[in-house]
Amino acid sequence: MVVHNPLSRPTRRAILCGSAVALLDALAPPALAHNDAGEVKPPELAPEIALTLQDGSRTSLRAALAGKITALQLMFTSCRATCPIQGALFAKGAKQLGDAVATAQWLSLSIDPARDDPAALRRWMAHLGAHPRWRAGRPEAKQVDALVAFLKSKNPGPDPHTAQVYYFDQKSQLVLRSVDFPPVPDILQIIKKLAARA
């Protein structure tokens, strides 16, 4: 006899995707968690991790996030599995949102800084048709582990990072972790709700 688990991965994902939006109104934690998905309570200030952006400019993670509602993902340009899907997700989301939320930005950070120089990041974004509000960057090699640990984005499988989206408020605070590959409409709703709360 086959017994179906009512909390299988698709069901967990559906619950979390729905609750991720709802919790921003109700400020209640989601019923279930996967990859530490859900509201971050209390919000956590981004660490001072040095970044080099796709245009060659240098900043810190905290400064890059300041004053913006940010959807952030981890990636690396040589990835042929998770990252192209993540990139397509951000490309579609950024295009659909456009300039509707003045403070919104999309930020992709490489976990392979040795190979992902600014030129590689620009090529990756150009291939995906990046919107002007979408930026990419790489941390210092010695700070990759600190970035992954802060986001809780370590994947035990063959791909070294999760496919989550991390949401930051205008105070450079991490406020929400999504499930893997959240639907674009959910990302847009969360960005809009965070902007409305600012």
Protein backbone atom coordinates (compact mmCIF):
# COMPACT_ATOMS: atom_id res chain seq x y z
CA MET A 1 0.00 0.00 0.00
CA VAL A 2 1.34 3.44 -0.95
CA VAL A 3 0.98 6.13 1.70
CA HIS A 4 1.20 9.70 0.47
CA ASN A 5 2.90 12.16 2.76
CA PRO A 6 0.66 15.24 3.06
CA LEU A 7 3.76 17.36 3.72
CA SER A 8 5.68 16.37 0.59
CA ARG A 9 8.01 18.92 -0.97
CA PRO A 10 5.43 20.44 -3.38
CA THR A 11 2.97 20.93 -0.52
CA ARG A 12 5.61 22.49 1.71
CA ARG A 13 6.60 24.80 -1.11
CA ALA A 14 3.01 25.84 -1.77
CA ILE A 15 2.43 26.54 1.92
CA LEU A 16 5.60 28.56 2.25
CA CYS A 17 5.10 30.57 -0.94
CA GLY A 18 1.65 31.57 0.23
CA SER A 19 2.67 32.26 3.80
CA ALA A 20 5.71 34.29 2.77
CA VAL A 21 3.40 36.95 1.40
CA ALA A 22 0.83 36.64 4.16
CA LEU A 23 3.35 36.91 6.97
CA LEU A 24 4.34 40.39 5.90
CA ASP A 25 0.80 41.48 6.70
CA ALA A 26 0.21 39.33 9.76
CA LEU A 27 3.83 39.23 10.97
CA ALA A 28 3.30 35.61 11.93
CA PRO A 29 5.96 32.93 11.27
CA PRO A 30 5.18 30.32 8.61
CA ALA A 31 3.90 27.00 9.82
CA LEU A 32 6.71 25.08 8.15
CA ALA A 33 10.30 25.82 7.18
CA HIS A 34 12.54 24.53 4.43
CA ASN A 35 16.11 25.81 4.01
CA ASP A 36 15.34 28.29 6.80
CA ALA A 37 12.58 29.83 4.69
CA GLY A 38 10.31 32.40 6.27
CA GLU A 39 10.41 35.67 8.13
CA VAL A 40 13.63 36.65 9.88
CA LYS A 41 12.71 37.77 13.40
CA PRO A 42 14.21 40.06 14.41
CA PRO A 43 15.57 41.35 11.10
CA GLU A 44 19.34 40.88 10.74
CA LEU A 45 21.64 43.68 9.62
CA ALA A 46 23.78 42.71 6.62
CA PRO A 47 27.47 42.25 7.42
CA GLU A 48 30.13 44.60 6.08
CA ILE A 49 31.25 42.31 3.26
CA ALA A 50 33.32 43.99 0.51
CA LEU A 51 31.80 43.74 -2.97
CA THR A 52 33.00 44.47 -6.48
CA LEU A 53 30.05 45.20 -8.77
CA GLN A 54 29.63 44.38 -12.44
CA ASP A 55 30.69 47.90 -13.44
CA GLY A 56 33.97 47.51 -11.53
CA SER A 57 32.98 49.81 -8.67
CA ARG A 58 33.66 48.73 -5.10
CA THR A 59 31.26 48.93 -2.17
CA SER A 60 30.07 46.83 0.75
CA LEU A 61 27.03 44.61 0.97
CA ARG A 62 25.51 46.85 3.61
CA ALA A 63 26.05 49.98 1.52
CA ALA A 64 24.72 48.31 -1.64
CA LEU A 65 21.50 47.47 0.20
CA ALA A 66 21.02 50.81 1.98
CA GLY A 67 17.91 52.74 0.97
CA LYS A 68 16.66 49.93 -1.29
CA ILE A 69 14.13 47.13 -1.12
CA THR A 70 16.29 44.29 -2.39
CA ALA A 71 15.71 40.81 -3.74
CA LEU A 72 19.07 39.01 -3.55
CA GLN A 73 20.23 35.65 -4.88
CA LEU A 74 23.52 33.73 -4.88
CA MET A 75 24.92 32.39 -8.16
CA PHE A 76 28.05 31.84 -10.24
CA THR A 77 28.35 32.38 -13.96
CA SER A 78 29.83 28.96 -14.83
CA CYS A 79 26.89 27.15 -13.21
CA ARG A 80 24.84 25.14 -15.71
CA ALA A 81 22.09 23.87 -13.41
CA THR A 82 20.54 26.11 -10.76
CA CYS A 83 21.94 29.51 -11.70
CA PRO A 84 20.53 29.89 -15.24
CA ILE A 85 17.07 29.26 -13.79
CA GLN A 86 17.71 31.75 -11.00
CA GLY A 87 18.96 34.30 -13.51
CA ALA A 88 15.89 33.84 -15.69
CA LEU A 89 13.71 34.29 -12.60
CA PHE A 90 15.34 37.65 -11.80
CA ALA A 91 15.31 38.73 -15.44
CA LYS A 92 11.58 38.09 -15.68
CA GLY A 93 10.82 39.63 -12.30
CA ALA A 94 12.86 42.76 -12.91
CA LYS A 95 11.26 43.25 -16.32
CA GLN A 96 7.74 42.81 -14.95
CA LEU A 97 8.30 45.13 -11.99
CA GLY A 98 10.15 47.70 -14.07
CA ASP A 99 10.19 51.04 -12.29
CA ALA A 100 6.90 50.46 -10.44
CA VAL A 101 8.70 50.47 -7.07
CA ALA A 102 11.19 53.32 -7.03
CA THR A 103 13.31 51.81 -4.25
CA ALA A 104 13.42 48.25 -5.62
CA GLN A 105 16.57 46.54 -6.81
CA TRP A 106 17.66 43.03 -7.77
CA LEU A 107 21.11 41.84 -6.67
CA SER A 108 22.91 38.66 -7.78
CA LEU A 109 26.08 37.82 -5.85
CA SER A 110 28.62 35.31 -7.11
CA ILE A 111 30.04 32.66 -4.81
CA ASP A 112 32.90 32.08 -7.29
CA PRO A 113 34.82 35.37 -7.10
CA ALA A 114 38.01 33.85 -8.55
CA ARG A 115 36.32 33.40 -11.95
CA ASP A 116 33.49 35.92 -11.80
CA ASP A 117 35.22 39.21 -12.46
CA PRO A 118 33.13 42.24 -13.48
CA ALA A 119 33.38 41.34 -17.19
CA ALA A 120 32.05 37.81 -16.53
CA LEU A 121 29.19 39.24 -14.48
CA ARG A 122 28.31 41.71 -17.23
CA ARG A 123 28.28 38.96 -19.86
CA TRP A 124 26.04 36.77 -17.68
CA MET A 125 23.59 39.61 -17.12
CA ALA A 126 23.62 40.69 -20.77
CA HIS A 127 22.86 37.12 -21.84
CA LEU A 128 19.80 37.20 -19.58
CA GLY A 129 18.66 40.64 -20.73
CA ALA A 130 19.20 42.36 -17.40
CA HIS A 131 16.98 45.28 -16.41
CA PRO A 132 18.83 48.46 -15.24
CA ARG A 133 17.64 47.89 -11.66
CA TRP A 134 19.38 44.51 -11.58
CA ARG A 135 22.99 44.50 -10.40
CA ALA A 136 25.55 41.77 -9.84
CA GLY A 137 28.65 41.60 -7.72
CA ARG A 138 31.21 39.36 -6.09
CA PRO A 139 32.53 39.37 -2.54
CA GLU A 140 36.17 39.00 -1.59
CA ALA A 141 37.13 35.32 -1.79
CA LYS A 142 37.85 35.20 1.93
CA GLN A 143 34.33 36.48 2.68
CA VAL A 144 32.28 34.03 0.61
CA ASP A 145 31.82 31.67 3.56
CA ALA A 146 30.67 34.56 5.78
CA LEU A 147 28.11 35.62 3.16
CA VAL A 148 26.74 32.09 2.74
CA ALA A 149 26.61 31.61 6.52
CA PHE A 150 24.74 34.89 7.04
CA LEU A 151 22.14 33.98 4.43
CA LYS A 152 22.02 30.33 5.59
CA SER A 153 22.37 29.36 1.96
CA LYS A 154 24.62 26.32 2.20
CA ASN A 155 23.26 23.40 0.19
CA PRO A 156 24.37 19.88 1.20
CA GLY A 157 23.89 18.61 -2.37
CA PRO A 158 26.15 18.87 -5.42
CA ASP A 159 25.19 22.50 -6.03
CA PRO A 160 26.89 24.53 -3.27
CA HIS A 161 24.07 27.01 -2.67
CA THR A 162 20.31 27.09 -2.44
CA ALA A 163 17.97 28.64 -4.99
CA GLN A 164 16.34 30.93 -2.45
CA VAL A 165 15.67 34.64 -2.72
CA TYR A 166 16.64 36.83 0.23
CA TYR A 167 14.71 40.04 0.88
CA PHE A 168 16.22 43.11 2.52
CA ASP A 169 14.53 46.28 3.73
CA GLN A 170 15.82 49.82 3.27
CA LYS A 171 17.85 49.57 6.47
CA SER A 172 20.02 46.80 4.92
CA GLN A 173 18.27 44.23 7.11
CA LEU A 174 17.46 40.68 6.03
CA VAL A 175 13.74 40.28 6.66
CA LEU A 176 12.69 37.18 4.70
CA ARG A 177 14.12 34.01 3.14
CA SER A 178 12.07 32.39 0.38
CA VAL A 179 11.74 28.75 -0.59
CA ASP A 180 13.82 27.53 -3.54
CA PHE A 181 12.78 29.04 -6.89
CA PRO A 182 9.90 31.21 -5.64
CA PRO A 183 7.37 32.16 -8.34
CA VAL A 184 7.84 35.61 -9.87
CA PRO A 185 4.40 36.88 -8.72
CA ASP A 186 5.35 36.07 -5.12
CA ILE A 187 8.65 37.94 -5.43
CA LEU A 188 6.87 40.98 -6.81
CA GLN A 189 4.22 40.93 -4.09
CA ILE A 190 6.82 40.77 -1.36
CA ILE A 191 8.86 43.63 -2.84
CA LYS A 192 5.72 45.79 -3.05
CA LYS A 193 4.66 44.95 0.49
CA LEU A 194 8.11 45.74 1.86
CA ALA A 195 8.10 49.05 -0.01
CA ALA A 196 4.68 49.89 1.41
CA ARG A 197 5.93 49.22 4.93
CA ALA A 198 8.98 51.48 4.54
